Amino acid sequence: MLLSRGTLSIRPSCHVRFYSTPTQQSIPKKAAGAFTSNKHISQPVSLNKTLVYIGPFADSVQKYKMVATLFGACGLCAVPGLLSTGQAPVLAVALTGVSALIPAGFIHWYTRNLVTRLMVYDDIKTVERERRRPRDMKNDKWLGIETVSLFGRLKEHNMWLQDLKDVSLTSSTQQQSKMVIWEEQKKPNKGCRYALERAVVEADPYLQGLANRCPK
């Protein structure tokens, strides 16, 4: 019996096994990236990831956002109860709901660009070698930038270093701010900004090397 994509073998014990041969359709598309030099084909296949930056207020920001969102949700849940009594004015009830959301909204707006952690997809030996000799650092790196959502959940954004732009200099004063601000230049996250503490970046030769290689 002939089969196009497999062979059928029968053993004396009457057990039947089916051996399938790999086809071209079964090969993942991202596997082609390992055999080419084009970085835009797929993400790097290497799973090496090294933590190179931790925000000074990373844990605090996450807790504040979780607590503020929780209290905001509780305040909104109280609004239907106040309306059902019929004794509280409608305007007062509306202001109660708005005031419950203001803290969460303000904290999220103020820390919306804050980076909690920065990861580089390189092994730790490469990172340490480039930290000792920043001039040998490659011009482009695959990064993982971690931020905190409105509900306190951590989210990692991945992009190439060359896809970012340093917009730390303000157009009005042309002075450096206390934060190193990177802005993503490619879709679908074009315009998203990520803020790192300048004092931490300037104190680490590796982070300083990344900042120097970020397009301005």
C-alpha atoms as a PDB file:
ATOM      1  CA  MET A   1       0.000   0.000   0.000  1.00  0.00           C
ATOM      2  CA  LEU A   2       1.433   3.372  -1.014  1.00  0.00           C
ATOM      3  CA  LEU A   3       0.882   6.539   0.971  1.00  0.00           C
ATOM      4  CA  SER A   4       1.913  10.024  -0.112  1.00  0.00           C
ATOM      5  CA  ARG A   5       2.727  11.403   3.316  1.00  0.00           C
ATOM      6  CA  GLY A   6       3.521   8.404   5.443  1.00  0.00           C
ATOM      7  CA  THR A   7       4.341   4.718   5.545  1.00  0.00           C
ATOM      8  CA  LEU A   8       2.335   1.928   7.127  1.00  0.00           C
ATOM      9  CA  SER A   9       4.231  -0.837   8.918  1.00  0.00           C
ATOM     10  CA  ILE A  10       2.650  -3.889  10.595  1.00  0.00           C
ATOM     11  CA  ARG A  11       4.529  -5.782  13.285  1.00  0.00           C
ATOM     12  CA  PRO A  12       3.868  -9.400  14.288  1.00  0.00           C
ATOM     13  CA  SER A  13       2.183  -8.206  17.480  1.00  0.00           C
ATOM     14  CA  CYS A  14      -0.552  -6.652  15.328  1.00  0.00           C
ATOM     15  CA  HIS A  15       0.203  -3.137  16.555  1.00  0.00           C
ATOM     16  CA  VAL A  16      -0.199  -0.549  13.818  1.00  0.00           C
ATOM     17  CA  ARG A  17       1.913   2.589  13.833  1.00  0.00           C
ATOM     18  CA  PHE A  18       1.718   5.512  11.457  1.00  0.00           C
ATOM     19  CA  TYR A  19       4.918   7.401  10.657  1.00  0.00           C
ATOM     20  CA  SER A  20       4.353  10.802   9.109  1.00  0.00           C
ATOM     21  CA  THR A  21       6.971  12.580   7.086  1.00  0.00           C
ATOM     22  CA  PRO A  22       7.448  16.331   7.574  1.00  0.00           C
ATOM     23  CA  THR A  23       6.005  18.533   4.878  1.00  0.00           C
ATOM     24  CA  GLN A  24       6.826  22.054   3.892  1.00  0.00           C
ATOM     25  CA  GLN A  25       3.573  23.358   5.379  1.00  0.00           C
ATOM     26  CA  SER A  26       4.465  22.062   8.858  1.00  0.00           C
ATOM     27  CA  ILE A  27       7.609  24.178   9.138  1.00  0.00           C
ATOM     28  CA  PRO A  28       6.949  27.311  11.237  1.00  0.00           C
ATOM     29  CA  LYS A  29       7.420  30.524   9.334  1.00  0.00           C
ATOM     30  CA  LYS A  30       9.603  32.000  12.057  1.00  0.00           C
ATOM     31  CA  ALA A  31      12.134  29.192  11.542  1.00  0.00           C
ATOM     32  CA  ALA A  32      13.294  30.922   8.384  1.00  0.00           C
ATOM     33  CA  GLY A  33      14.719  33.738  10.476  1.00  0.00           C
ATOM     34  CA  ALA A  34      17.529  31.549  11.750  1.00  0.00           C
ATOM     35  CA  PHE A  35      18.858  30.980   8.235  1.00  0.00           C
ATOM     36  CA  THR A  36      18.844  34.578   7.053  1.00  0.00           C
ATOM     37  CA  SER A  37      20.419  37.841   8.088  1.00  0.00           C
ATOM     38  CA  ASN A  38      17.245  39.884   7.711  1.00  0.00           C
ATOM     39  CA  LYS A  39      16.157  40.905  11.215  1.00  0.00           C
ATOM     40  CA  HIS A  40      12.669  41.915  10.023  1.00  0.00           C
ATOM     41  CA  ILE A  41      11.615  38.374   9.030  1.00  0.00           C
ATOM     42  CA  SER A  42      10.846  37.276  12.575  1.00  0.00           C
ATOM     43  CA  GLN A  43      11.779  37.717  16.183  1.00  0.00           C
ATOM     44  CA  PRO A  44      15.109  36.276  17.319  1.00  0.00           C
ATOM     45  CA  VAL A  45      14.928  32.575  18.028  1.00  0.00           C
ATOM     46  CA  SER A  46      17.272  32.903  20.989  1.00  0.00           C
ATOM     47  CA  LEU A  47      15.552  32.778  24.354  1.00  0.00           C
ATOM     48  CA  ASN A  48      18.411  34.418  26.236  1.00  0.00           C
ATOM     49  CA  LYS A  49      17.062  37.420  28.130  1.00  0.00           C
ATOM     50  CA  THR A  50      18.985  39.581  30.586  1.00  0.00           C
ATOM     51  CA  LEU A  51      17.481  42.139  32.950  1.00  0.00           C
ATOM     52  CA  VAL A  52      19.473  45.378  32.637  1.00  0.00           C
ATOM     53  CA  TYR A  53      17.193  47.997  34.227  1.00  0.00           C
ATOM     54  CA  ILE A  54      14.785  48.130  37.176  1.00  0.00           C
ATOM     55  CA  GLY A  55      12.814  51.302  37.822  1.00  0.00           C
ATOM     56  CA  PRO A  56      13.284  52.794  41.307  1.00  0.00           C
ATOM     57  CA  PHE A  57       9.512  52.833  41.910  1.00  0.00           C
ATOM     58  CA  ALA A  58       8.551  49.752  39.911  1.00  0.00           C
ATOM     59  CA  ASP A  59       6.882  47.806  42.729  1.00  0.00           C
ATOM     60  CA  SER A  60       5.305  50.909  44.270  1.00  0.00           C
ATOM     61  CA  VAL A  61       3.718  52.013  41.001  1.00  0.00           C
ATOM     62  CA  GLN A  62       2.240  48.572  40.442  1.00  0.00           C
ATOM     63  CA  LYS A  63       0.712  48.505  43.940  1.00  0.00           C
ATOM     64  CA  TYR A  64      -0.609  52.063  43.695  1.00  0.00           C
ATOM     65  CA  LYS A  65      -2.348  51.318  40.405  1.00  0.00           C
ATOM     66  CA  MET A  66      -3.931  48.152  41.760  1.00  0.00           C
ATOM     67  CA  VAL A  67      -5.199  49.880  44.921  1.00  0.00           C
ATOM     68  CA  ALA A  68      -6.432  52.981  43.078  1.00  0.00           C
ATOM     69  CA  THR A  69      -8.314  50.884  40.527  1.00  0.00           C
ATOM     70  CA  LEU A  70      -9.847  48.759  43.299  1.00  0.00           C
ATOM     71  CA  PHE A  71     -11.098  51.808  45.194  1.00  0.00           C
ATOM     72  CA  GLY A  72     -12.412  53.302  41.959  1.00  0.00           C
ATOM     73  CA  ALA A  73     -14.381  50.141  41.225  1.00  0.00           C
ATOM     74  CA  CYS A  74     -15.795  50.133  44.755  1.00  0.00           C
ATOM     75  CA  GLY A  75     -16.849  53.758  44.365  1.00  0.00           C
ATOM     76  CA  LEU A  76     -18.658  52.989  41.122  1.00  0.00           C
ATOM     77  CA  CYS A  77     -20.446  50.058  42.744  1.00  0.00           C
ATOM     78  CA  ALA A  78     -21.748  52.403  45.440  1.00  0.00           C
ATOM     79  CA  VAL A  79     -23.385  54.726  42.897  1.00  0.00           C
ATOM     80  CA  PRO A  80     -26.388  52.448  42.076  1.00  0.00           C
ATOM     81  CA  GLY A  81     -26.985  51.927  45.792  1.00  0.00           C
ATOM     82  CA  LEU A  82     -27.094  55.654  46.451  1.00  0.00           C
ATOM     83  CA  LEU A  83     -29.458  56.198  43.541  1.00  0.00           C
ATOM     84  CA  SER A  84     -31.799  53.440  44.717  1.00  0.00           C
ATOM     85  CA  THR A  85     -32.341  55.146  48.064  1.00  0.00           C
ATOM     86  CA  GLY A  86     -33.727  58.239  46.365  1.00  0.00           C
ATOM     87  CA  GLN A  87     -32.519  60.458  49.193  1.00  0.00           C
ATOM     88  CA  ALA A  88     -29.189  61.605  47.753  1.00  0.00           C
ATOM     89  CA  PRO A  89     -29.217  64.264  45.019  1.00  0.00           C
ATOM     90  CA  VAL A  90     -28.331  63.013  41.564  1.00  0.00           C
ATOM     91  CA  LEU A  91     -25.533  65.550  41.212  1.00  0.00           C
ATOM     92  CA  ALA A  92     -23.958  64.424  44.480  1.00  0.00           C
ATOM     93  CA  VAL A  93     -24.115  60.787  43.398  1.00  0.00           C
ATOM     94  CA  ALA A  94     -22.514  61.640  40.051  1.00  0.00           C
ATOM     95  CA  LEU A  95     -19.726  63.543  41.786  1.00  0.00           C
ATOM     96  CA  THR A  96     -19.176  60.550  44.059  1.00  0.00           C
ATOM     97  CA  GLY A  97     -18.625  58.287  41.067  1.00  0.00           C
ATOM     98  CA  VAL A  98     -16.314  60.770  39.371  1.00  0.00           C
ATOM     99  CA  SER A  99     -14.269  61.336  42.531  1.00  0.00           C
ATOM    100  CA  ALA A 100     -13.816  57.588  42.873  1.00  0.00           C
ATOM    101  CA  LEU A 101     -12.225  57.429  39.417  1.00  0.00           C
ATOM    102  CA  ILE A 102     -10.024  60.517  39.692  1.00  0.00           C
ATOM    103  CA  PRO A 103      -7.197  58.930  41.783  1.00  0.00           C
ATOM    104  CA  ALA A 104      -6.895  55.920  39.477  1.00  0.00           C
ATOM    105  CA  GLY A 105      -7.021  58.106  36.380  1.00  0.00           C
ATOM    106  CA  PHE A 106      -4.418  60.529  37.694  1.00  0.00           C
ATOM    107  CA  ILE A 107      -1.975  57.803  38.775  1.00  0.00           C
ATOM    108  CA  HIS A 108      -2.319  56.016  35.452  1.00  0.00           C
ATOM    109  CA  TRP A 109      -1.851  59.249  33.477  1.00  0.00           C
ATOM    110  CA  TYR A 110       1.177  60.319  35.512  1.00  0.00           C
ATOM    111  CA  THR A 111       2.932  56.941  35.248  1.00  0.00           C
ATOM    112  CA  ARG A 112       1.634  55.859  31.827  1.00  0.00           C
ATOM    113  CA  ASN A 113       5.114  55.967  30.231  1.00  0.00           C
ATOM    114  CA  LEU A 114       7.121  54.747  33.213  1.00  0.00           C
ATOM    115  CA  VAL A 115       9.311  51.715  32.514  1.00  0.00           C
ATOM    116  CA  THR A 116       9.480  49.224  35.358  1.00  0.00           C
ATOM    117  CA  ARG A 117      12.001  46.843  33.781  1.00  0.00           C
ATOM    118  CA  LEU A 118      14.140  46.724  30.656  1.00  0.00           C
ATOM    119  CA  MET A 119      15.328  43.404  29.245  1.00  0.00           C
ATOM    120  CA  VAL A 120      17.824  42.736  26.466  1.00  0.00           C
ATOM    121  CA  TYR A 121      17.613  39.509  24.486  1.00  0.00           C
ATOM    122  CA  ASP A 122      21.268  38.588  24.945  1.00  0.00           C
ATOM    123  CA  ASP A 123      23.024  36.167  27.241  1.00  0.00           C
ATOM    124  CA  ILE A 124      24.512  37.586  30.420  1.00  0.00           C
ATOM    125  CA  LYS A 125      28.096  36.998  29.260  1.00  0.00           C
ATOM    126  CA  THR A 126      27.553  39.207  26.229  1.00  0.00           C
ATOM    127  CA  VAL A 127      25.927  41.895  28.371  1.00  0.00           C
ATOM    128  CA  GLU A 128      28.793  41.903  30.877  1.00  0.00           C
ATOM    129  CA  ARG A 129      31.386  42.018  28.116  1.00  0.00           C
ATOM    130  CA  GLU A 130      29.646  44.966  26.468  1.00  0.00           C
ATOM    131  CA  ARG A 131      29.264  46.662  29.849  1.00  0.00           C
ATOM    132  CA  ARG A 132      33.037  46.577  30.274  1.00  0.00           C
ATOM    133  CA  ARG A 133      33.583  47.681  26.678  1.00  0.00           C
ATOM    134  CA  PRO A 134      30.566  49.742  25.550  1.00  0.00           C
ATOM    135  CA  ARG A 135      32.263  50.567  22.253  1.00  0.00           C
ATOM    136  CA  ASP A 136      31.936  46.931  21.181  1.00  0.00           C
ATOM    137  CA  MET A 137      28.157  46.985  21.642  1.00  0.00           C
ATOM    138  CA  LYS A 138      26.063  46.231  18.572  1.00  0.00           C
ATOM    139  CA  ASN A 139      24.094  49.108  17.128  1.00  0.00           C
ATOM    140  CA  ASP A 140      20.785  47.276  17.357  1.00  0.00           C
ATOM    141  CA  LYS A 141      19.271  45.170  20.127  1.00  0.00           C
ATOM    142  CA  TRP A 142      16.016  43.302  20.544  1.00  0.00           C
ATOM    143  CA  LEU A 143      14.469  44.814  23.686  1.00  0.00           C
ATOM    144  CA  GLY A 144      11.717  43.926  26.108  1.00  0.00           C
ATOM    145  CA  ILE A 145      10.276  47.016  27.815  1.00  0.00           C
ATOM    146  CA  GLU A 146       7.928  46.333  30.727  1.00  0.00           C
ATOM    147  CA  THR A 147       5.199  48.755  31.804  1.00  0.00           C
ATOM    148  CA  VAL A 148       2.235  48.615  34.195  1.00  0.00           C
ATOM    149  CA  SER A 149      -1.351  48.744  32.966  1.00  0.00           C
ATOM    150  CA  LEU A 150      -4.262  50.537  34.630  1.00  0.00           C
ATOM    151  CA  PHE A 151      -5.120  47.389  36.583  1.00  0.00           C
ATOM    152  CA  GLY A 152      -1.559  46.833  37.808  1.00  0.00           C
ATOM    153  CA  ARG A 153      -0.709  44.106  35.314  1.00  0.00           C
ATOM    154  CA  LEU A 154       2.785  43.941  33.858  1.00  0.00           C
ATOM    155  CA  LYS A 155       3.027  44.092  30.080  1.00  0.00           C
ATOM    156  CA  GLU A 156       6.148  43.565  27.988  1.00  0.00           C
ATOM    157  CA  HIS A 157       6.599  45.493  24.740  1.00  0.00           C
ATOM    158  CA  ASN A 158       9.137  44.123  22.261  1.00  0.00           C
ATOM    159  CA  MET A 159      10.918  46.165  19.627  1.00  0.00           C
ATOM    160  CA  TRP A 160      14.332  46.849  18.100  1.00  0.00           C
ATOM    161  CA  LEU A 161      16.428  49.642  19.557  1.00  0.00           C
ATOM    162  CA  GLN A 162      16.626  51.296  16.135  1.00  0.00           C
ATOM    163  CA  ASP A 163      12.818  51.456  16.049  1.00  0.00           C
ATOM    164  CA  LEU A 164      12.929  53.910  18.967  1.00  0.00           C
ATOM    165  CA  LYS A 165      13.756  57.603  19.008  1.00  0.00           C
ATOM    166  CA  ASP A 166      15.167  59.616  21.906  1.00  0.00           C
ATOM    167  CA  VAL A 167      12.776  62.527  22.514  1.00  0.00           C
ATOM    168  CA  SER A 168      14.161  63.570  25.897  1.00  0.00           C
ATOM    169  CA  LEU A 169      14.964  67.079  24.661  1.00  0.00           C
ATOM    170  CA  THR A 170      11.921  69.307  24.832  1.00  0.00           C
ATOM    171  CA  SER A 171      11.260  71.550  21.863  1.00  0.00           C
ATOM    172  CA  SER A 172      10.730  74.660  24.014  1.00  0.00           C
ATOM    173  CA  THR A 173      13.691  74.678  26.418  1.00  0.00           C
ATOM    174  CA  GLN A 174      16.075  72.235  24.721  1.00  0.00           C
ATOM    175  CA  GLN A 175      17.044  70.994  28.183  1.00  0.00           C
ATOM    176  CA  GLN A 176      17.421  67.416  29.283  1.00  0.00           C
ATOM    177  CA  SER A 177      14.652  66.208  31.573  1.00  0.00           C
ATOM    178  CA  LYS A 178      15.102  63.882  34.516  1.00  0.00           C
ATOM    179  CA  MET A 179      13.873  61.022  32.360  1.00  0.00           C
ATOM    180  CA  VAL A 180      15.245  59.343  29.262  1.00  0.00           C
ATOM    181  CA  ILE A 181      12.213  59.157  26.979  1.00  0.00           C
ATOM    182  CA  TRP A 182      12.105  56.791  24.017  1.00  0.00           C
ATOM    183  CA  GLU A 183       9.335  56.988  21.434  1.00  0.00           C
ATOM    184  CA  GLU A 184       8.403  54.093  19.165  1.00  0.00           C
ATOM    185  CA  GLN A 185       8.526  54.998  15.483  1.00  0.00           C
ATOM    186  CA  LYS A 186       6.876  51.991  13.820  1.00  0.00           C
ATOM    187  CA  LYS A 187       3.319  50.744  13.735  1.00  0.00           C
ATOM    188  CA  PRO A 188       1.231  49.414  15.385  1.00  0.00           C
ATOM    189  CA  ASN A 189       2.614  51.125  18.512  1.00  0.00           C
ATOM    190  CA  LYS A 190       3.882  54.260  16.796  1.00  0.00           C
ATOM    191  CA  GLY A 191       3.955  57.187  19.205  1.00  0.00           C
ATOM    192  CA  CYS A 192       4.143  55.093  22.383  1.00  0.00           C
ATOM    193  CA  ARG A 193       6.670  56.507  24.823  1.00  0.00           C
ATOM    194  CA  TYR A 194       8.797  54.803  27.445  1.00  0.00           C
ATOM    195  CA  ALA A 195      10.447  56.751  30.276  1.00  0.00           C
ATOM    196  CA  LEU A 196      13.545  55.583  32.155  1.00  0.00           C
ATOM    197  CA  GLU A 197      15.235  57.314  35.099  1.00  0.00           C
ATOM    198  CA  ARG A 198      18.162  59.305  33.717  1.00  0.00           C
ATOM    199  CA  ALA A 199      20.203  58.880  36.909  1.00  0.00           C
ATOM    200  CA  VAL A 200      19.999  55.090  36.620  1.00  0.00           C
ATOM    201  CA  VAL A 201      20.825  55.112  32.901  1.00  0.00           C
ATOM    202  CA  GLU A 202      23.859  57.372  33.298  1.00  0.00           C
ATOM    203  CA  ALA A 203      25.194  55.300  36.212  1.00  0.00           C
ATOM    204  CA  ASP A 204      25.373  52.088  34.143  1.00  0.00           C
ATOM    205  CA  PRO A 205      27.798  51.926  31.188  1.00  0.00           C
ATOM    206  CA  TYR A 206      25.624  49.363  29.416  1.00  0.00           C
ATOM    207  CA  LEU A 207      22.452  51.453  29.686  1.00  0.00           C
ATOM    208  CA  GLN A 208      24.420  54.510  28.643  1.00  0.00           C
ATOM    209  CA  GLY A 209      25.596  52.606  25.579  1.00  0.00           C
ATOM    210  CA  LEU A 210      22.001  51.734  24.679  1.00  0.00           C
ATOM    211  CA  ALA A 211      20.961  55.367  25.116  1.00  0.00           C
ATOM    212  CA  ASN A 212      23.806  56.573  22.898  1.00  0.00           C
ATOM    213  CA  ARG A 213      22.810  54.153  20.130  1.00  0.00           C
ATOM    214  CA  CYS A 214      19.154  55.131  20.209  1.00  0.00           C
ATOM    215  CA  PRO A 215      18.387  57.417  17.239  1.00  0.00           C
ATOM    216  CA  LYS A 216      17.765  61.046  18.121  1.00  0.00           C
END
